[in-house]
Protein backbone atom coordinates (compact mmCIF):
# COMPACT_ATOMS: atom_id res chain seq x y z
CA MET A 1 21.27 -83.27 39.29
CA VAL A 2 22.56 -82.03 35.92
CA THR A 3 26.30 -82.29 35.38
CA GLU A 4 27.77 -78.81 35.19
CA HIS A 5 30.94 -79.64 33.29
CA LEU A 6 29.24 -80.29 29.95
CA SER A 7 28.72 -77.22 27.76
CA LEU A 8 26.56 -77.15 24.66
CA PRO A 9 27.10 -75.24 21.43
CA GLU A 10 24.26 -72.95 20.39
CA ASP A 11 23.34 -75.03 17.34
CA ALA A 12 22.81 -78.05 19.61
CA LEU A 13 19.62 -76.34 20.81
CA ALA A 14 18.00 -76.67 17.39
CA GLU A 15 14.61 -78.33 17.79
CA ASN A 16 13.19 -81.35 16.06
CA LEU A 17 10.35 -80.71 13.64
CA PHE A 18 7.93 -81.22 16.53
CA GLY A 19 8.60 -81.08 20.25
CA ILE A 20 11.37 -79.75 22.45
CA SER A 21 14.88 -81.15 22.05
CA GLU A 22 16.78 -83.01 24.77
CA GLU A 23 19.57 -80.44 24.41
CA ARG A 24 17.24 -77.57 25.27
CA ILE A 25 15.81 -79.45 28.26
CA TYR A 26 19.38 -80.04 29.45
CA ALA A 27 20.30 -76.36 28.99
CA ILE A 28 17.24 -75.18 30.93
CA SER A 29 17.92 -77.68 33.72
CA LEU A 30 21.51 -76.42 33.95
CA ALA A 31 20.35 -72.79 34.07
CA LEU A 32 17.85 -73.65 36.82
CA GLU A 33 20.60 -75.27 38.91
CA LYS A 34 22.79 -72.21 38.47
CA LYS A 35 19.81 -69.93 39.26
CA ASP A 36 20.37 -68.14 35.97
CA TYR A 37 16.78 -66.93 35.60
CA GLU A 38 17.52 -64.66 32.66
CA LYS A 39 18.92 -67.63 30.72
CA VAL A 40 15.83 -69.70 31.57
CA HIS A 41 13.48 -67.03 30.19
CA GLN A 42 15.66 -66.67 27.12
CA LEU A 43 15.57 -70.43 26.43
CA ILE A 44 11.77 -70.68 26.71
CA GLU A 45 10.96 -67.36 25.04
CA ASN A 46 9.95 -68.76 21.64
CA LEU A 47 8.65 -72.15 22.76
CA HIS A 48 5.08 -73.24 22.01
CA ALA A 49 2.85 -73.80 25.06
CA ALA A 50 2.75 -77.55 24.30
CA ASP A 51 6.56 -77.68 24.28
CA VAL A 52 6.78 -75.81 27.60
CA ALA A 53 4.30 -78.37 29.00
CA ASP A 54 6.57 -81.19 27.79
CA LEU A 55 9.53 -79.39 29.37
CA ILE A 56 7.77 -79.18 32.75
CA SER A 57 6.92 -82.89 32.63
CA SER A 58 10.53 -83.75 31.73
CA LEU A 59 12.18 -81.78 34.54
CA GLN A 60 13.24 -83.44 37.76
CA PRO A 61 10.70 -82.77 40.59
CA GLU A 62 12.83 -80.21 42.46
CA LEU A 63 13.70 -78.36 39.23
CA ARG A 64 10.06 -78.48 38.12
CA GLU A 65 8.95 -76.68 41.27
CA HIS A 66 11.74 -74.14 40.83
CA PHE A 67 10.80 -73.57 37.16
CA VAL A 68 7.10 -73.05 37.92
CA SER A 69 7.92 -70.54 40.66
CA ILE A 70 9.95 -68.53 38.12
CA ILE A 71 7.32 -68.42 35.36
CA LYS A 72 4.03 -68.51 37.32
CA ASP A 73 3.48 -64.74 37.27
CA SER A 74 3.70 -64.71 33.45
CA LEU A 75 2.38 -68.23 32.87
CA ASN A 76 0.73 -68.86 29.50
CA PRO A 77 -2.61 -70.52 30.43
CA GLU A 78 -2.34 -72.80 27.38
CA ILE A 79 0.55 -74.58 29.16
CA LEU A 80 -1.86 -75.86 31.81
CA ALA A 81 -4.21 -77.27 29.15
CA ASN A 82 -1.31 -79.15 27.50
CA LEU A 83 0.11 -80.76 30.65
CA ASP A 84 -0.48 -84.44 31.34
CA ILE A 85 -2.85 -84.92 34.28
CA PRO A 86 -0.36 -86.02 37.01
CA THR A 87 2.01 -83.13 36.22
CA ARG A 88 -0.89 -80.69 35.91
CA VAL A 89 -2.11 -81.61 39.39
CA GLN A 90 1.36 -80.91 40.81
CA VAL A 91 1.67 -77.59 38.97
CA LEU A 92 -1.79 -76.39 40.00
CA LYS A 93 -0.92 -77.00 43.65
CA MET A 94 2.06 -74.65 43.20
CA LEU A 95 -0.04 -71.86 41.68
CA GLY A 96 -2.86 -71.30 44.15
CA PRO A 97 -6.58 -70.48 43.53
CA GLU A 98 -6.15 -66.85 42.40
CA LEU A 99 -3.54 -67.58 39.73
CA ILE A 100 -5.52 -70.59 38.49
CA ALA A 101 -8.71 -68.50 38.29
CA ASP A 102 -6.89 -65.83 36.24
CA ALA A 103 -5.52 -68.51 33.90
CA LEU A 104 -8.95 -70.09 33.35
CA LYS A 105 -10.39 -66.76 32.18
CA SER A 106 -8.02 -66.78 29.20
CA LEU A 107 -8.73 -70.36 28.13
CA ALA A 108 -11.49 -71.64 25.87
CA SER A 109 -14.33 -73.02 27.98
CA ASP A 110 -13.54 -76.66 27.15
CA ASP A 111 -9.87 -76.23 28.09
CA ALA A 112 -10.81 -74.32 31.25
CA LEU A 113 -13.12 -77.16 32.27
CA GLU A 114 -10.41 -79.75 31.61
CA VAL A 115 -7.96 -77.89 33.85
CA LEU A 116 -10.55 -77.35 36.58
CA SER A 117 -11.56 -81.03 36.48
CA SER A 118 -7.98 -81.98 37.40
CA LEU A 119 -8.48 -80.47 40.87
CA GLU A 120 -10.07 -82.08 43.88
CA LYS A 121 -13.50 -80.84 45.00
CA GLU A 122 -12.19 -78.51 47.70
CA GLN A 123 -9.62 -76.97 45.35
CA GLN A 124 -12.29 -76.55 42.66
CA GLU A 125 -14.47 -74.63 45.10
CA ARG A 126 -11.62 -72.27 46.06
CA VAL A 127 -10.83 -71.57 42.39
CA LEU A 128 -14.51 -71.02 41.52
CA GLN A 129 -14.89 -68.59 44.42
CA ALA A 130 -12.01 -66.54 42.99
CA MET A 131 -13.82 -66.14 39.64
CA LEU A 132 -16.47 -63.69 38.48
CA PRO A 133 -20.09 -64.90 38.98
CA ARG A 134 -20.78 -65.31 35.23
CA GLU A 135 -17.65 -67.38 34.60
CA ARG A 136 -18.21 -69.40 37.77
CA ALA A 137 -21.81 -70.21 36.80
CA MET A 138 -20.71 -71.42 33.35
CA LEU A 139 -18.04 -73.77 34.73
CA GLU A 140 -20.36 -75.06 37.48
CA LYS A 141 -22.91 -75.89 34.78
CA PHE A 142 -20.27 -77.76 32.79
CA LEU A 143 -19.17 -79.68 35.90
CA SER A 144 -22.76 -80.85 36.39
CA TYR A 145 -22.61 -82.89 33.18
CA PRO A 146 -21.59 -86.56 33.45
CA LYS A 147 -17.90 -87.35 33.26
CA ASP A 148 -16.73 -88.32 29.73
CA SER A 149 -19.88 -86.83 28.21
CA ALA A 150 -20.30 -84.38 25.34
CA GLY A 151 -21.06 -81.66 27.91
CA ARG A 152 -17.58 -82.03 29.38
CA LEU A 153 -16.04 -82.05 25.91
CA MET A 154 -17.79 -79.09 24.29
CA GLN A 155 -16.88 -75.43 24.30
CA ARG A 156 -19.49 -72.78 24.99
CA GLU A 157 -18.15 -70.28 22.45
CA LEU A 158 -19.72 -70.69 19.00
CA VAL A 159 -21.22 -68.62 16.16
CA CYS A 160 -25.02 -68.64 15.88
CA VAL A 161 -27.16 -66.40 13.65
CA PRO A 162 -30.89 -66.21 12.76
CA PRO A 163 -32.07 -67.61 9.39
CA PHE A 164 -33.14 -64.22 7.94
CA TRP A 165 -29.68 -62.63 8.16
CA THR A 166 -27.69 -62.01 5.01
CA VAL A 167 -24.09 -63.04 4.37
CA SER A 168 -23.08 -59.41 4.89
CA GLU A 169 -24.79 -59.19 8.28
CA THR A 170 -23.26 -62.48 9.37
CA LEU A 171 -19.75 -61.38 8.42
CA HIS A 172 -20.25 -58.04 10.17
CA PHE A 173 -21.33 -59.90 13.31
CA ILE A 174 -18.26 -62.15 13.18
CA GLN A 175 -15.93 -59.18 12.68
CA ASN A 176 -17.36 -57.15 15.56
CA SER A 177 -18.23 -59.77 18.18
CA HIS A 178 -15.78 -60.29 21.04
CA ASP A 179 -17.27 -63.50 22.45
CA LEU A 180 -16.45 -65.90 19.64
CA PRO A 181 -14.18 -68.95 19.67
CA GLU A 182 -10.57 -68.43 18.67
CA HIS A 183 -10.91 -71.05 15.93
CA PHE A 184 -14.19 -72.05 14.27
CA TYR A 185 -15.22 -73.62 10.99
CA THR A 186 -19.01 -73.56 11.05
CA ILE A 187 -21.80 -71.00 11.57
CA TYR A 188 -25.01 -72.43 13.05
CA ILE A 189 -28.44 -71.14 12.05
CA ILE A 190 -30.90 -71.11 14.97
CA ASP A 191 -34.57 -70.25 15.54
CA PRO A 192 -35.85 -67.90 18.30
CA ARG A 193 -35.90 -70.82 20.77
CA GLN A 194 -32.20 -71.44 20.00
CA HIS A 195 -32.90 -74.73 18.25
CA PRO A 196 -30.40 -75.46 15.43
CA LEU A 197 -31.98 -75.30 11.96
CA GLY A 198 -28.90 -75.75 9.82
CA GLU A 199 -25.24 -74.90 9.37
CA ILE A 200 -22.92 -73.13 6.95
CA SER A 201 -19.20 -73.70 6.63
CA LEU A 202 -17.12 -70.55 6.86
CA SER A 203 -15.60 -71.22 3.42
CA LEU A 204 -19.08 -71.51 1.85
CA LEU A 205 -20.21 -68.27 3.52
CA LEU A 206 -17.26 -66.35 2.05
CA ARG A 207 -18.02 -67.58 -1.47
CA HIS A 208 -21.55 -66.10 -1.64
CA GLN A 209 -22.75 -62.60 -2.45
CA PRO A 210 -23.26 -60.20 0.51
CA ASP A 211 -27.06 -59.97 0.02
CA THR A 212 -27.60 -63.75 0.05
CA ILE A 213 -29.92 -64.95 2.84
CA VAL A 214 -28.15 -67.54 4.99
CA SER A 215 -31.21 -69.83 5.15
CA ASP A 216 -31.00 -70.20 1.35
CA ILE A 217 -27.49 -71.63 1.44
CA MET A 218 -27.42 -73.48 4.77
CA ASN A 219 -27.11 -77.24 5.06
CA HIS A 220 -30.37 -78.54 6.53
CA ASP A 221 -28.96 -82.01 7.31
CA ILE A 222 -27.47 -81.00 10.65
CA ARG A 223 -26.61 -83.70 13.18
CA SER A 224 -26.68 -82.43 16.74
CA ILE A 225 -25.12 -84.21 19.71
CA LEU A 226 -27.00 -84.52 23.00
CA VAL A 227 -25.09 -82.97 25.89
CA THR A 228 -25.19 -86.23 27.89
CA LYS A 229 -23.90 -88.41 25.03
CA ASP A 230 -20.80 -90.46 25.93
CA GLN A 231 -17.55 -89.20 24.42
CA GLU A 232 -16.95 -92.56 22.70
CA GLU A 233 -20.25 -92.10 20.84
CA VAL A 234 -19.16 -88.56 19.93
CA ALA A 235 -15.83 -89.81 18.57
CA PHE A 236 -17.60 -92.45 16.50
CA ALA A 237 -19.97 -89.83 15.02
CA PHE A 238 -17.05 -87.58 14.03
CA ARG A 239 -15.17 -90.46 12.41
CA HIS A 240 -18.24 -91.91 10.70
CA TYR A 241 -19.61 -88.66 9.27
CA GLY A 242 -16.32 -86.79 8.84
CA PHE A 243 -17.35 -83.89 11.07
CA VAL A 244 -15.04 -80.94 11.60
CA SER A 245 -17.35 -79.58 14.29
CA ALA A 246 -20.81 -80.43 15.61
CA PRO A 247 -23.41 -78.55 17.70
CA VAL A 248 -24.30 -79.79 21.19
CA ILE A 249 -27.90 -79.53 22.40
CA ASP A 250 -29.54 -79.96 25.80
CA GLU A 251 -32.60 -82.09 26.60
CA SER A 252 -34.96 -79.37 25.28
CA GLY A 253 -33.11 -79.16 21.95
CA ARG A 254 -31.44 -75.79 22.63
CA ILE A 255 -27.91 -75.36 21.31
CA VAL A 256 -25.49 -74.99 24.24
CA GLY A 257 -22.07 -75.42 22.66
CA MET A 258 -20.02 -77.15 20.01
CA ILE A 259 -17.39 -79.85 19.78
CA THR A 260 -14.47 -79.50 17.38
CA VAL A 261 -12.37 -82.20 15.79
CA ASP A 262 -9.22 -81.34 17.78
CA ASP A 263 -11.04 -82.30 21.00
CA VAL A 264 -12.25 -85.55 19.43
CA VAL A 265 -8.71 -86.47 18.36
CA ASP A 266 -7.74 -86.27 22.04
CA VAL A 267 -10.69 -88.49 22.99
CA ILE A 268 -9.79 -91.11 20.38
CA GLY A 269 -6.20 -91.17 21.68
CA GLU A 270 -7.39 -91.50 25.28
CA GLU A 271 -9.83 -94.32 24.51
CA VAL A 272 -7.31 -96.29 22.45
CA GLU A 273 -4.67 -95.84 25.14
CA GLU A 274 -7.13 -96.90 27.84
CA ASP A 275 -8.08 -100.09 25.96
CA ILE A 276 -4.42 -100.99 25.34
CA LEU A 277 -3.58 -100.48 29.01
CA HIS A 278 -6.55 -102.57 30.12
CA ILE A 279 -5.65 -105.40 27.78
CA SER A 280 -2.07 -105.18 29.07
CA LYS A 281 -3.37 -105.34 32.68
CA VAL A 282 -2.00 -101.94 33.73
CA HIS A 283 -3.68 -98.64 34.57
CA GLU A 284 -1.21 -95.77 34.58
CA SER A 285 -0.30 -94.22 31.25
CA ASN A 286 2.30 -91.73 32.40
CA VAL A 287 5.72 -92.12 34.01
CA ASN A 288 4.90 -89.12 36.21
CA GLU A 289 2.01 -90.96 37.89
CA PRO A 290 2.46 -91.00 41.70
CA VAL A 291 4.06 -94.20 43.02
CA SER A 292 1.15 -94.95 45.38
CA ASN A 293 -1.42 -94.75 42.54
CA THR A 294 0.70 -96.96 40.30
CA ALA A 295 1.16 -99.55 43.03
CA TYR A 296 -2.57 -99.56 43.88
CA TRP A 297 -3.73 -100.20 40.32
CA ARG A 298 -1.07 -102.81 39.59
CA ILE A 299 -1.97 -104.69 42.78
CA ARG A 300 -5.61 -104.80 41.61
CA TRP A 301 -4.63 -106.35 38.28
CA LEU A 302 -2.14 -108.73 39.89
CA ILE A 303 -4.82 -109.97 42.31
CA ILE A 304 -6.88 -111.03 39.27
CA THR A 305 -3.82 -112.85 37.95
CA LEU A 306 -3.34 -114.46 41.36
CA ILE A 307 -6.91 -115.78 41.35
CA ASN A 308 -6.43 -117.16 37.84
CA THR A 309 -3.23 -118.89 38.93
CA LEU A 310 -4.84 -120.40 42.05
CA ILE A 311 -7.69 -121.86 40.00
CA ALA A 312 -5.25 -123.37 37.48
CA SER A 313 -3.07 -124.70 40.31
CA PHE A 314 -6.13 -126.36 41.88
CA VAL A 315 -6.85 -128.16 38.62
CA ILE A 316 -3.22 -129.32 38.33
CA ALA A 317 -3.30 -130.56 41.93
CA GLN A 318 -6.10 -132.99 41.02
CA PHE A 319 -3.65 -134.80 38.73
CA GLN A 320 -0.56 -134.81 40.95
CA VAL A 321 -0.48 -138.64 41.02
CA SER A 322 -0.41 -138.72 37.21
CA ILE A 323 2.34 -136.08 37.09
CA GLN A 324 4.45 -138.05 39.59
CA LYS A 325 4.16 -141.20 37.46
CA ILE A 326 4.75 -139.45 34.11
CA THR A 327 7.13 -136.55 34.78
CA ALA A 328 6.95 -135.34 31.16
CA LEU A 329 3.43 -134.09 31.88
CA SER A 330 4.86 -131.37 34.15
CA PHE A 331 6.55 -129.49 31.32
CA LEU A 332 4.37 -130.45 28.36
CA MET A 333 1.17 -129.16 30.01
CA THR A 334 2.48 -125.57 30.01
CA ILE A 335 2.70 -125.65 26.19
CA ASN A 336 -1.01 -126.34 25.89
CA ALA A 337 -2.08 -123.58 28.29
CA ALA A 338 0.29 -120.99 26.84
CA MET A 339 -0.71 -121.60 23.21
CA GLY A 340 -4.41 -121.49 24.06
CA GLY A 341 -4.07 -118.27 26.07
CA ASN A 342 -2.01 -116.46 23.46
CA SER A 343 -4.19 -117.45 20.52
CA GLY A 344 -7.27 -116.43 22.49
CA MET A 345 -5.84 -113.00 23.35
CA GLN A 346 -5.22 -112.39 19.65
CA VAL A 347 -8.92 -112.96 19.03
CA VAL A 348 -9.96 -110.81 22.02
CA THR A 349 -7.86 -107.91 20.77
CA ILE A 350 -9.42 -108.07 17.30
CA VAL A 351 -12.99 -108.33 18.65
CA VAL A 352 -12.56 -105.53 21.22
CA ARG A 353 -11.25 -103.25 18.49
CA ALA A 354 -14.14 -104.22 16.18
CA LEU A 355 -16.65 -103.42 18.93
CA ALA A 356 -14.98 -100.10 19.72
CA THR A 357 -14.98 -99.00 16.06
CA ARG A 358 -18.52 -100.34 15.37
CA GLN A 359 -17.21 -102.77 12.74
CA LEU A 360 -18.92 -105.67 14.53
CA ARG A 361 -22.71 -105.41 14.45
CA GLU A 362 -25.47 -107.67 15.80
CA SER A 363 -25.97 -109.29 12.40
CA ASP A 364 -22.24 -110.04 12.11
CA ILE A 365 -21.77 -111.93 15.39
CA TRP A 366 -22.15 -115.48 14.12
CA ARG A 367 -20.18 -114.67 10.98
CA ALA A 368 -17.34 -113.39 13.21
CA ILE A 369 -17.49 -116.50 15.39
CA SER A 370 -17.48 -118.79 12.35
CA ARG A 371 -14.53 -116.93 10.86
CA GLU A 372 -12.44 -117.18 14.03
CA VAL A 373 -13.30 -120.86 14.49
CA LEU A 374 -12.26 -121.59 10.88
CA VAL A 375 -8.99 -119.72 11.42
CA SER A 376 -8.48 -121.70 14.61
CA LEU A 377 -9.10 -125.00 12.79
CA ILE A 378 -6.19 -124.15 10.49
CA THR A 379 -3.82 -122.79 13.15
CA GLY A 380 -4.86 -125.46 15.67
CA THR A 381 -4.20 -128.27 13.20
CA PHE A 382 -0.81 -126.81 12.26
CA PHE A 383 0.44 -126.38 15.83
CA ALA A 384 -1.13 -129.64 17.04
CA CYS A 385 0.81 -131.58 14.42
CA LEU A 386 3.99 -129.57 14.95
CA LEU A 387 4.09 -129.63 18.76
CA GLY A 388 2.63 -133.12 19.00
CA GLY A 389 5.44 -134.40 16.78
CA ILE A 390 8.10 -132.48 18.73
CA ALA A 391 6.74 -133.84 22.04
CA ALA A 392 6.65 -137.43 20.74
CA LEU A 393 10.30 -137.19 19.65
CA TRP A 394 11.32 -135.32 22.81
CA VAL A 395 9.95 -137.85 25.32
CA ASN A 396 10.07 -140.79 22.92
CA ASP A 397 6.37 -141.51 23.46
CA LEU A 398 4.00 -141.46 20.45
CA TRP A 399 0.87 -141.62 22.63
CA LEU A 400 1.91 -138.64 24.74
CA GLY A 401 2.60 -136.62 21.59
CA ALA A 402 -0.85 -137.54 20.24
CA ILE A 403 -2.50 -136.53 23.54
CA LEU A 404 -0.76 -133.16 23.48
CA ALA A 405 -1.85 -132.64 19.87
CA ILE A 406 -5.51 -133.40 20.68
CA ALA A 407 -5.50 -131.23 23.81
CA LEU A 408 -3.80 -128.34 22.01
CA PHE A 409 -6.23 -128.48 19.09
CA CYS A 410 -9.26 -128.48 21.42
CA ASN A 411 -7.86 -125.64 23.56
CA MET A 412 -7.10 -123.40 20.57
CA LEU A 413 -10.57 -124.11 19.18
CA TRP A 414 -12.10 -123.09 22.52
CA ALA A 415 -9.87 -119.98 22.65
CA ALA A 416 -11.19 -118.83 19.27
CA PHE A 417 -14.84 -119.35 20.25
CA ALA A 418 -14.50 -117.86 23.75
CA GLY A 419 -12.25 -115.05 22.54
CA THR A 420 -15.07 -113.93 20.25
CA MET A 421 -18.02 -114.57 22.56
CA PHE A 422 -16.70 -113.16 25.84
CA PRO A 423 -16.12 -109.58 24.59
CA ILE A 424 -19.52 -109.56 22.86
CA LEU A 425 -21.38 -110.83 25.94
CA ILE A 426 -19.53 -108.44 28.26
CA HIS A 427 -20.28 -105.55 25.87
CA ARG A 428 -23.99 -106.49 25.88
CA LEU A 429 -23.99 -106.37 29.68
CA GLY A 430 -22.82 -102.75 29.48
CA LEU A 431 -19.31 -103.47 30.78
CA ASP A 432 -15.94 -102.76 29.18
CA PRO A 433 -14.72 -105.87 27.30
CA ALA A 434 -11.17 -104.47 27.20
CA VAL A 435 -11.05 -104.78 31.00
CA SER A 436 -12.84 -108.09 31.61
CA ALA A 437 -12.56 -110.30 28.53
CA GLY A 438 -8.81 -110.99 28.75
CA PRO A 439 -8.66 -112.24 32.37
CA ILE A 440 -11.77 -114.40 31.92
CA LEU A 441 -10.44 -115.92 28.70
CA THR A 442 -6.96 -116.75 30.04
CA THR A 443 -8.50 -118.36 33.12
CA THR A 444 -10.66 -120.65 30.97
CA THR A 445 -7.87 -121.53 28.53
CA ASP A 446 -5.50 -122.35 31.42
CA VAL A 447 -8.05 -124.45 33.29
CA PHE A 448 -9.40 -126.15 30.14
CA GLY A 449 -5.89 -126.70 28.77
CA TYR A 450 -4.56 -128.34 31.91
CA ALA A 451 -7.74 -130.35 32.50
CA ILE A 452 -8.02 -131.84 29.01
CA PHE A 453 -4.30 -132.63 28.66
CA LEU A 454 -3.84 -134.14 32.12
CA GLY A 455 -7.27 -135.80 31.98
CA LEU A 456 -6.55 -137.52 28.63
CA ALA A 457 -3.10 -138.56 29.81
CA THR A 458 -4.54 -140.06 32.99
CA LEU A 459 -7.34 -141.83 31.12
CA ILE A 460 -5.20 -143.28 28.31
CA LEU A 461 -1.74 -143.81 29.80
CA LEU A 462 -2.52 -144.82 33.40
């Protein structure tokens, strides 16, 4: 609970350039505890929807429920679109189907779909039943598209005009139509079958004379996105071609929506975050994730680690006689495995990023492998000499230092080769290299590191 004895001066509520301040969150929490509803409304009156969403996520669970109950009758629908998924799920349960349906009517179609997708199937059905037939049909159509596809990312609202219209007619249509997106940058020129023929930026349209025919000034080099295209492919297209917006077409070539750059920025952030979490062997990206979900996903990753450890332990067990006779092997062998694993993960991270950003093409594979192997020859030689010398002085055994140096050099060489090849092979199989490459690599570097070091020591010293 919030301590009631601390009072804040008014200027302490001044916000940062972006986001809601900790002082304002504290003041709202205090007002909620005191049931001072007027103060709560006063404190959130001028906040942006994204800042109110951050506020809801920051509140303690009991205060969050209390806050939502106070504002739900006048809830800005944009708040729902800005909430992180775990918090949004909790908030939607507090609102009920009718209030959610009313909120969805005010959102852009892509935001409405995002909010609706946060619900379970049964809840989705109840919300859809509370909507008008036309709106329900549109959202049901969007839900039929594959998850993480362009169809789930696009918005239905866009500006389309025939090629024979003039600039004046187009501007008149924009000024008098009530079914246009709130923000748009491009006008699409379509034929009678609703196939896109070209596009005109809004700024270019405004610079031409009113009697100019739009087909005379449109850009014919229009790149449409298929509705089933994966969102990663969409993000790459936007980054590669510098799109601000792009039309989305169905299988018959009819324009069905558009994707804008603000939605793609969100996708890029999600994909990068997902890859980082996978490489780090975690799943949840939000501190508000339910405990049971967090535990489930961490157990899955830790089971992989357990299997890796058991395999490495089995290899070590084959050399227990050698370890008993030369006790220095027990602590020197960990150096070899750790250096190989860490150097390999550096390579995996670079290769996964190169694959994700399309920097690594088919023709570049062997060049990439050669480069990483050459880098490993340098780093491997440096650390082999350094750690081999340290080990020889530490245990006063020149041969043992030399064995560690050889094993370390070989393991780091393998880590560079495998760290490049594994992500590429996994990517070719249609799997996510960010998920699989790391665990496979560390298993091989551990097993290979222990086997070559203990094997050489057994062969040479015993």
